[in-house]
Amino acid sequence: MEFSRKGISEQVADSIKKKIQAGEYQVGERIPGEREMGIELSVSRNTVREAYKILEAYGYLQVKHGTGVFVASPEHQIQKVTEALFVSTEQIKDFFSVRKILEDWTVKWAIENSSDDQIAELEKIVTEANEIVKESIDYKRLAALDHKFHITIANNSKNTVLTGIMNYLIDLLSESRNKTMQIPGRALQSVQEHAEIIKAMKQRNSELAQQCMKEHLESVERSITENTVTKS
């Protein structure tokens, strides 16, 4: 196979990507090593190495040291893409704009697809969180419950693509979640806002639940942007 001199690593990466998309290499399958792939594509081993790095960065491949290079799952690719979306405090506004759009639909679909028992499970999460804020607050546990609340709603939407995106999008704030919870009044406010969302969900009132979710995310956004604890 012939490649132009310009951007040869990118062109090799594109060629391998097309093989993956065509199903020549399946998810979880170990692909040929650098030397073997170089021979197959008539390029140097170093060129293949750079191409693999490009594809790894985009989430198409996973490098397992000592084992080889494997075709990554679509979920892994989503993770790589979403990780690249949020890198600084200045992007908080854009980050929450995306979350508001996604979680607006998430809570609507969750109401449409959840059983009463599933909504009751969400209520248990809020109840546990409410007990924590009444005592000596375990911020780590509270942050975990906050994460669980939003992810459970996403799971209940029954939309697997949305769930995958939400998992990784919410995880982007994982490092600052504990600190965010320690902002004065933030923990109690989040629990109260979650309770309002659940109240609307129990009523099967999608419009109200969507409004409550929007107000909750706007409230969290304000807490983060107004407090230097999360700024770098």
C-alpha atoms as a PDB file:
ATOM      1  CA  MET A   1       0.000   0.000   0.000  1.00  0.00           C
ATOM      2  CA  GLU A   2       1.379   3.408  -0.972  1.00  0.00           C
ATOM      3  CA  PHE A   3       1.257   6.482   1.243  1.00  0.00           C
ATOM      4  CA  SER A   4       2.372  10.026   0.566  1.00  0.00           C
ATOM      5  CA  ARG A   5       5.279  11.342   2.624  1.00  0.00           C
ATOM      6  CA  LYS A   6       3.103  14.000   4.248  1.00  0.00           C
ATOM      7  CA  GLY A   7       1.280  12.815   7.358  1.00  0.00           C
ATOM      8  CA  ILE A   8       2.135   9.159   6.784  1.00  0.00           C
ATOM      9  CA  SER A   9       1.423   8.148  10.394  1.00  0.00           C
ATOM     10  CA  GLU A  10      -2.020   9.772  10.190  1.00  0.00           C
ATOM     11  CA  GLN A  11      -2.711   8.013   6.901  1.00  0.00           C
ATOM     12  CA  VAL A  12      -1.652   4.664   8.335  1.00  0.00           C
ATOM     13  CA  ALA A  13      -3.880   5.299  11.363  1.00  0.00           C
ATOM     14  CA  ASP A  14      -6.783   6.088   9.028  1.00  0.00           C
ATOM     15  CA  SER A  15      -6.148   2.872   7.088  1.00  0.00           C
ATOM     16  CA  ILE A  16      -6.188   0.780  10.267  1.00  0.00           C
ATOM     17  CA  LYS A  17      -9.287   2.612  11.490  1.00  0.00           C
ATOM     18  CA  LYS A  18     -11.094   1.687   8.273  1.00  0.00           C
ATOM     19  CA  LYS A  19     -10.173  -1.973   8.838  1.00  0.00           C
ATOM     20  CA  ILE A  20     -11.711  -1.760  12.313  1.00  0.00           C
ATOM     21  CA  GLN A  21     -14.858  -0.052  11.018  1.00  0.00           C
ATOM     22  CA  ALA A  22     -15.170  -2.650   8.268  1.00  0.00           C
ATOM     23  CA  GLY A  23     -15.070  -5.422  10.845  1.00  0.00           C
ATOM     24  CA  GLU A  24     -11.736  -6.836   9.738  1.00  0.00           C
ATOM     25  CA  TYR A  25     -10.639  -6.482  13.359  1.00  0.00           C
ATOM     26  CA  GLN A  26     -13.294  -7.151  15.999  1.00  0.00           C
ATOM     27  CA  VAL A  27     -13.786  -5.518  19.401  1.00  0.00           C
ATOM     28  CA  GLY A  28     -11.457  -7.159  21.905  1.00  0.00           C
ATOM     29  CA  GLU A  29      -9.305  -8.726  19.196  1.00  0.00           C
ATOM     30  CA  ARG A  30      -5.525  -8.419  19.345  1.00  0.00           C
ATOM     31  CA  ILE A  31      -4.297  -6.757  16.158  1.00  0.00           C
ATOM     32  CA  PRO A  32      -0.919  -7.440  14.503  1.00  0.00           C
ATOM     33  CA  GLY A  33       2.186  -6.095  16.210  1.00  0.00           C
ATOM     34  CA  GLU A  34       4.136  -3.115  14.906  1.00  0.00           C
ATOM     35  CA  ARG A  35       6.558  -5.180  12.816  1.00  0.00           C
ATOM     36  CA  GLU A  36       3.867  -7.381  11.288  1.00  0.00           C
ATOM     37  CA  MET A  37       1.569  -4.448  10.536  1.00  0.00           C
ATOM     38  CA  GLY A  38       4.504  -2.526   9.060  1.00  0.00           C
ATOM     39  CA  ILE A  39       5.201  -5.376   6.656  1.00  0.00           C
ATOM     40  CA  GLU A  40       1.510  -5.631   5.745  1.00  0.00           C
ATOM     41  CA  LEU A  41       1.249  -1.896   4.992  1.00  0.00           C
ATOM     42  CA  SER A  42       4.799  -1.498   3.634  1.00  0.00           C
ATOM     43  CA  VAL A  43       5.766   1.131   6.189  1.00  0.00           C
ATOM     44  CA  SER A  44       8.326   1.296   8.988  1.00  0.00           C
ATOM     45  CA  ARG A  45       7.757  -0.066  12.469  1.00  0.00           C
ATOM     46  CA  ASN A  46       8.089   3.452  13.886  1.00  0.00           C
ATOM     47  CA  THR A  47       5.327   4.688  11.596  1.00  0.00           C
ATOM     48  CA  VAL A  48       3.013   1.932  12.834  1.00  0.00           C
ATOM     49  CA  ARG A  49       3.922   2.779  16.430  1.00  0.00           C
ATOM     50  CA  GLU A  50       2.889   6.413  15.876  1.00  0.00           C
ATOM     51  CA  ALA A  51      -0.311   5.312  14.128  1.00  0.00           C
ATOM     52  CA  TYR A  52      -1.180   3.082  17.082  1.00  0.00           C
ATOM     53  CA  LYS A  53      -0.618   6.020  19.441  1.00  0.00           C
ATOM     54  CA  ILE A  54      -3.000   8.145  17.364  1.00  0.00           C
ATOM     55  CA  LEU A  55      -5.679   5.457  17.398  1.00  0.00           C
ATOM     56  CA  GLU A  56      -5.198   4.876  21.118  1.00  0.00           C
ATOM     57  CA  ALA A  57      -5.686   8.602  21.771  1.00  0.00           C
ATOM     58  CA  TYR A  58      -8.973   8.522  19.848  1.00  0.00           C
ATOM     59  CA  GLY A  59     -10.132   5.416  21.703  1.00  0.00           C
ATOM     60  CA  TYR A  60     -10.048   2.954  18.792  1.00  0.00           C
ATOM     61  CA  LEU A  61      -7.255   0.884  20.336  1.00  0.00           C
ATOM     62  CA  GLN A  62      -6.204  -0.146  23.822  1.00  0.00           C
ATOM     63  CA  VAL A  63      -2.551  -0.905  24.485  1.00  0.00           C
ATOM     64  CA  LYS A  64      -2.053  -3.566  27.145  1.00  0.00           C
ATOM     65  CA  HIS A  65       1.619  -3.582  28.061  1.00  0.00           C
ATOM     66  CA  GLY A  66       3.179  -7.006  27.810  1.00  0.00           C
ATOM     67  CA  THR A  67       0.134  -8.355  25.998  1.00  0.00           C
ATOM     68  CA  GLY A  68      -0.393  -6.362  22.815  1.00  0.00           C
ATOM     69  CA  VAL A  69      -2.697  -3.887  21.107  1.00  0.00           C
ATOM     70  CA  PHE A  70      -6.425  -4.591  21.079  1.00  0.00           C
ATOM     71  CA  VAL A  71      -9.499  -3.144  19.369  1.00  0.00           C
ATOM     72  CA  ALA A  72     -11.351  -1.068  21.969  1.00  0.00           C
ATOM     73  CA  SER A  73     -15.065  -1.137  22.678  1.00  0.00           C
ATOM     74  CA  PRO A  74     -17.406   1.696  21.619  1.00  0.00           C
ATOM     75  CA  GLU A  75     -17.785   2.564  25.306  1.00  0.00           C
ATOM     76  CA  HIS A  76     -14.014   3.062  25.591  1.00  0.00           C
ATOM     77  CA  GLN A  77     -14.099   5.346  22.568  1.00  0.00           C
ATOM     78  CA  ILE A  78     -16.890   7.426  24.138  1.00  0.00           C
ATOM     79  CA  GLN A  79     -14.764   7.748  27.272  1.00  0.00           C
ATOM     80  CA  LYS A  80     -11.784   9.045  25.310  1.00  0.00           C
ATOM     81  CA  VAL A  81     -13.936  11.575  23.496  1.00  0.00           C
ATOM     82  CA  THR A  82     -15.646  12.871  26.618  1.00  0.00           C
ATOM     83  CA  GLU A  83     -12.357  13.074  28.522  1.00  0.00           C
ATOM     84  CA  ALA A  84     -11.173  15.549  25.913  1.00  0.00           C
ATOM     85  CA  LEU A  85     -14.208  17.788  26.413  1.00  0.00           C
ATOM     86  CA  PHE A  86     -13.358  19.034  29.871  1.00  0.00           C
ATOM     87  CA  VAL A  87      -9.883  20.211  30.747  1.00  0.00           C
ATOM     88  CA  SER A  88     -10.169  23.529  32.598  1.00  0.00           C
ATOM     89  CA  THR A  89     -12.338  25.646  34.861  1.00  0.00           C
ATOM     90  CA  GLU A  90     -13.008  28.018  31.968  1.00  0.00           C
ATOM     91  CA  GLN A  91     -14.976  25.233  30.257  1.00  0.00           C
ATOM     92  CA  ILE A  92     -17.354  24.713  33.198  1.00  0.00           C
ATOM     93  CA  LYS A  93     -20.110  26.685  31.457  1.00  0.00           C
ATOM     94  CA  ASP A  94     -19.867  24.599  28.287  1.00  0.00           C
ATOM     95  CA  PHE A  95     -19.670  21.398  30.329  1.00  0.00           C
ATOM     96  CA  PHE A  96     -22.882  22.163  32.204  1.00  0.00           C
ATOM     97  CA  SER A  97     -24.616  23.343  29.034  1.00  0.00           C
ATOM     98  CA  VAL A  98     -24.087  19.861  27.625  1.00  0.00           C
ATOM     99  CA  ARG A  99     -25.180  18.211  30.863  1.00  0.00           C
ATOM    100  CA  LYS A 100     -28.375  20.253  30.972  1.00  0.00           C
ATOM    101  CA  ILE A 101     -29.306  19.169  27.458  1.00  0.00           C
ATOM    102  CA  LEU A 102     -28.532  15.505  28.116  1.00  0.00           C
ATOM    103  CA  GLU A 103     -30.089  15.257  31.571  1.00  0.00           C
ATOM    104  CA  ASP A 104     -33.230  17.054  30.402  1.00  0.00           C
ATOM    105  CA  TRP A 105     -33.909  14.089  28.118  1.00  0.00           C
ATOM    106  CA  THR A 106     -32.497  11.599  30.613  1.00  0.00           C
ATOM    107  CA  VAL A 107     -35.029  12.403  33.321  1.00  0.00           C
ATOM    108  CA  LYS A 108     -37.882  12.442  30.785  1.00  0.00           C
ATOM    109  CA  TRP A 109     -36.982   9.009  29.415  1.00  0.00           C
ATOM    110  CA  ALA A 110     -36.392   7.684  32.911  1.00  0.00           C
ATOM    111  CA  ILE A 111     -39.952   8.623  33.876  1.00  0.00           C
ATOM    112  CA  GLU A 112     -41.292   6.945  30.746  1.00  0.00           C
ATOM    113  CA  ASN A 113     -39.299   3.747  31.263  1.00  0.00           C
ATOM    114  CA  SER A 114     -38.978   3.365  35.046  1.00  0.00           C
ATOM    115  CA  SER A 115     -41.111   1.129  37.218  1.00  0.00           C
ATOM    116  CA  ASP A 116     -42.373   2.344  40.580  1.00  0.00           C
ATOM    117  CA  ASP A 117     -39.740   0.145  42.227  1.00  0.00           C
ATOM    118  CA  GLN A 118     -36.949   1.816  40.245  1.00  0.00           C
ATOM    119  CA  ILE A 119     -38.133   5.267  41.285  1.00  0.00           C
ATOM    120  CA  ALA A 120     -38.314   3.978  44.860  1.00  0.00           C
ATOM    121  CA  GLU A 121     -34.637   2.952  44.579  1.00  0.00           C
ATOM    122  CA  LEU A 122     -33.783   6.513  43.578  1.00  0.00           C
ATOM    123  CA  GLU A 123     -35.731   7.765  46.581  1.00  0.00           C
ATOM    124  CA  LYS A 124     -33.626   5.512  48.830  1.00  0.00           C
ATOM    125  CA  ILE A 125     -30.462   7.169  47.512  1.00  0.00           C
ATOM    126  CA  VAL A 126     -31.852  10.586  48.434  1.00  0.00           C
ATOM    127  CA  THR A 127     -33.020   9.333  51.831  1.00  0.00           C
ATOM    128  CA  GLU A 128     -29.550   8.007  52.671  1.00  0.00           C
ATOM    129  CA  ALA A 129     -27.962  11.270  51.547  1.00  0.00           C
ATOM    130  CA  ASN A 130     -30.427  13.221  53.676  1.00  0.00           C
ATOM    131  CA  GLU A 131     -29.417  11.217  56.751  1.00  0.00           C
ATOM    132  CA  ILE A 132     -25.740  11.940  56.079  1.00  0.00           C
ATOM    133  CA  VAL A 133     -26.196  15.733  55.892  1.00  0.00           C
ATOM    134  CA  LYS A 134     -27.961  15.705  59.268  1.00  0.00           C
ATOM    135  CA  GLU A 135     -24.890  14.264  61.005  1.00  0.00           C
ATOM    136  CA  SER A 136     -21.120  14.677  60.762  1.00  0.00           C
ATOM    137  CA  ILE A 137     -20.995  14.745  56.975  1.00  0.00           C
ATOM    138  CA  ASP A 138     -19.126  11.970  55.195  1.00  0.00           C
ATOM    139  CA  TYR A 139     -18.293  13.974  52.060  1.00  0.00           C
ATOM    140  CA  LYS A 140     -16.809  11.015  50.216  1.00  0.00           C
ATOM    141  CA  ARG A 141     -19.965   8.934  50.702  1.00  0.00           C
ATOM    142  CA  LEU A 142     -22.169  11.890  49.844  1.00  0.00           C
ATOM    143  CA  ALA A 143     -20.269  12.481  46.609  1.00  0.00           C
ATOM    144  CA  ALA A 144     -20.670   8.790  45.743  1.00  0.00           C
ATOM    145  CA  LEU A 145     -24.419   9.026  46.323  1.00  0.00           C
ATOM    146  CA  ASP A 146     -24.602  12.147  44.149  1.00  0.00           C
ATOM    147  CA  HIS A 147     -22.875  10.226  41.363  1.00  0.00           C
ATOM    148  CA  LYS A 148     -25.146   7.204  41.906  1.00  0.00           C
ATOM    149  CA  PHE A 149     -28.276   9.378  41.758  1.00  0.00           C
ATOM    150  CA  HIS A 150     -27.511  10.809  38.315  1.00  0.00           C
ATOM    151  CA  ILE A 151     -26.187   7.554  36.869  1.00  0.00           C
ATOM    152  CA  THR A 152     -29.204   5.586  38.102  1.00  0.00           C
ATOM    153  CA  ILE A 153     -31.529   8.022  36.350  1.00  0.00           C
ATOM    154  CA  ALA A 154     -29.453   7.573  33.181  1.00  0.00           C
ATOM    155  CA  ASN A 155     -29.629   3.777  33.488  1.00  0.00           C
ATOM    156  CA  ASN A 156     -33.390   3.973  33.946  1.00  0.00           C
ATOM    157  CA  SER A 157     -33.725   5.914  30.697  1.00  0.00           C
ATOM    158  CA  LYS A 158     -33.039   2.598  28.905  1.00  0.00           C
ATOM    159  CA  ASN A 159     -30.957   4.437  26.294  1.00  0.00           C
ATOM    160  CA  THR A 160     -27.587   2.671  26.231  1.00  0.00           C
ATOM    161  CA  VAL A 161     -25.789   5.336  24.185  1.00  0.00           C
ATOM    162  CA  LEU A 162     -27.012   8.086  26.503  1.00  0.00           C
ATOM    163  CA  THR A 163     -26.035   6.019  29.534  1.00  0.00           C
ATOM    164  CA  GLY A 164     -22.521   5.521  28.190  1.00  0.00           C
ATOM    165  CA  ILE A 165     -22.049   9.221  27.528  1.00  0.00           C
ATOM    166  CA  MET A 166     -23.506  10.215  30.891  1.00  0.00           C
ATOM    167  CA  ASN A 167     -21.251   7.807  32.773  1.00  0.00           C
ATOM    168  CA  TYR A 168     -18.105   9.381  31.439  1.00  0.00           C
ATOM    169  CA  LEU A 169     -19.393  12.945  31.295  1.00  0.00           C
ATOM    170  CA  ILE A 170     -20.317  12.906  34.982  1.00  0.00           C
ATOM    171  CA  ASP A 171     -16.995  11.228  35.796  1.00  0.00           C
ATOM    172  CA  LEU A 172     -15.170  14.256  34.404  1.00  0.00           C
ATOM    173  CA  LEU A 173     -15.941  16.109  37.622  1.00  0.00           C
ATOM    174  CA  SER A 174     -15.069  13.179  39.879  1.00  0.00           C
ATOM    175  CA  GLU A 175     -11.892  14.760  41.213  1.00  0.00           C
ATOM    176  CA  SER A 176     -13.641  17.963  42.263  1.00  0.00           C
ATOM    177  CA  ARG A 177     -16.902  16.376  43.472  1.00  0.00           C
ATOM    178  CA  ASN A 178     -15.696  15.869  47.056  1.00  0.00           C
ATOM    179  CA  LYS A 179     -14.473  19.476  47.252  1.00  0.00           C
ATOM    180  CA  THR A 180     -17.679  20.763  45.697  1.00  0.00           C
ATOM    181  CA  MET A 181     -19.709  18.981  48.383  1.00  0.00           C
ATOM    182  CA  GLN A 182     -17.660  20.795  51.049  1.00  0.00           C
ATOM    183  CA  ILE A 183     -18.716  24.230  49.806  1.00  0.00           C
ATOM    184  CA  PRO A 184     -20.856  25.660  52.639  1.00  0.00           C
ATOM    185  CA  GLY A 185     -24.498  24.703  52.100  1.00  0.00           C
ATOM    186  CA  ARG A 186     -23.836  22.806  48.875  1.00  0.00           C
ATOM    187  CA  ALA A 187     -24.381  19.298  50.274  1.00  0.00           C
ATOM    188  CA  LEU A 188     -27.758  20.067  51.812  1.00  0.00           C
ATOM    189  CA  GLN A 189     -28.832  22.030  48.759  1.00  0.00           C
ATOM    190  CA  SER A 190     -28.011  19.138  46.408  1.00  0.00           C
ATOM    191  CA  VAL A 191     -29.948  16.671  48.550  1.00  0.00           C
ATOM    192  CA  GLN A 192     -32.967  18.994  48.627  1.00  0.00           C
ATOM    193  CA  GLU A 193     -32.797  19.495  44.865  1.00  0.00           C
ATOM    194  CA  HIS A 194     -32.545  15.741  44.294  1.00  0.00           C
ATOM    195  CA  ALA A 195     -35.614  15.316  46.491  1.00  0.00           C
ATOM    196  CA  GLU A 196     -37.578  17.746  44.303  1.00  0.00           C
ATOM    197  CA  ILE A 197     -36.567  15.805  41.185  1.00  0.00           C
ATOM    198  CA  ILE A 198     -37.755  12.551  42.774  1.00  0.00           C
ATOM    199  CA  LYS A 199     -41.032  14.153  43.857  1.00  0.00           C
ATOM    200  CA  ALA A 200     -41.742  15.134  40.245  1.00  0.00           C
ATOM    201  CA  MET A 201     -40.708  11.686  38.989  1.00  0.00           C
ATOM    202  CA  LYS A 202     -43.083   9.976  41.423  1.00  0.00           C
ATOM    203  CA  GLN A 203     -45.863  12.159  40.031  1.00  0.00           C
ATOM    204  CA  ARG A 204     -44.776  11.104  36.512  1.00  0.00           C
ATOM    205  CA  ASN A 205     -44.580  14.804  35.711  1.00  0.00           C
ATOM    206  CA  SER A 206     -41.880  15.005  33.041  1.00  0.00           C
ATOM    207  CA  GLU A 207     -42.096  18.746  32.544  1.00  0.00           C
ATOM    208  CA  LEU A 208     -41.681  19.466  36.257  1.00  0.00           C
ATOM    209  CA  ALA A 209     -38.881  16.911  36.633  1.00  0.00           C
ATOM    210  CA  GLN A 210     -37.018  18.445  33.701  1.00  0.00           C
ATOM    211  CA  GLN A 211     -37.354  21.912  35.239  1.00  0.00           C
ATOM    212  CA  CYS A 212     -36.113  20.628  38.615  1.00  0.00           C
ATOM    213  CA  MET A 213     -33.136  18.948  36.962  1.00  0.00           C
ATOM    214  CA  LYS A 214     -32.271  22.123  35.053  1.00  0.00           C
ATOM    215  CA  GLU A 215     -32.441  24.225  38.225  1.00  0.00           C
ATOM    216  CA  HIS A 216     -30.313  21.678  40.100  1.00  0.00           C
ATOM    217  CA  LEU A 217     -27.544  21.671  37.494  1.00  0.00           C
ATOM    218  CA  GLU A 218     -27.574  25.467  37.301  1.00  0.00           C
ATOM    219  CA  SER A 219     -27.278  25.573  41.083  1.00  0.00           C
ATOM    220  CA  VAL A 220     -24.279  23.204  41.098  1.00  0.00           C
ATOM    221  CA  GLU A 221     -22.653  25.195  38.287  1.00  0.00           C
ATOM    222  CA  ARG A 222     -22.988  28.415  40.273  1.00  0.00           C
ATOM    223  CA  SER A 223     -21.490  26.779  43.359  1.00  0.00           C
ATOM    224  CA  ILE A 224     -18.461  25.612  41.400  1.00  0.00           C
ATOM    225  CA  THR A 225     -17.828  28.838  39.516  1.00  0.00           C
ATOM    226  CA  GLU A 226     -18.371  31.106  42.524  1.00  0.00           C
ATOM    227  CA  ASN A 227     -15.978  29.241  44.808  1.00  0.00           C
ATOM    228  CA  THR A 228     -12.238  29.209  44.351  1.00  0.00           C
ATOM    229  CA  VAL A 229     -11.997  25.726  45.880  1.00  0.00           C
ATOM    230  CA  THR A 230     -12.454  24.195  42.430  1.00  0.00           C
ATOM    231  CA  LYS A 231     -10.406  26.685  40.449  1.00  0.00           C
ATOM    232  CA  SER A 232      -6.873  26.112  39.273  1.00  0.00           C
END
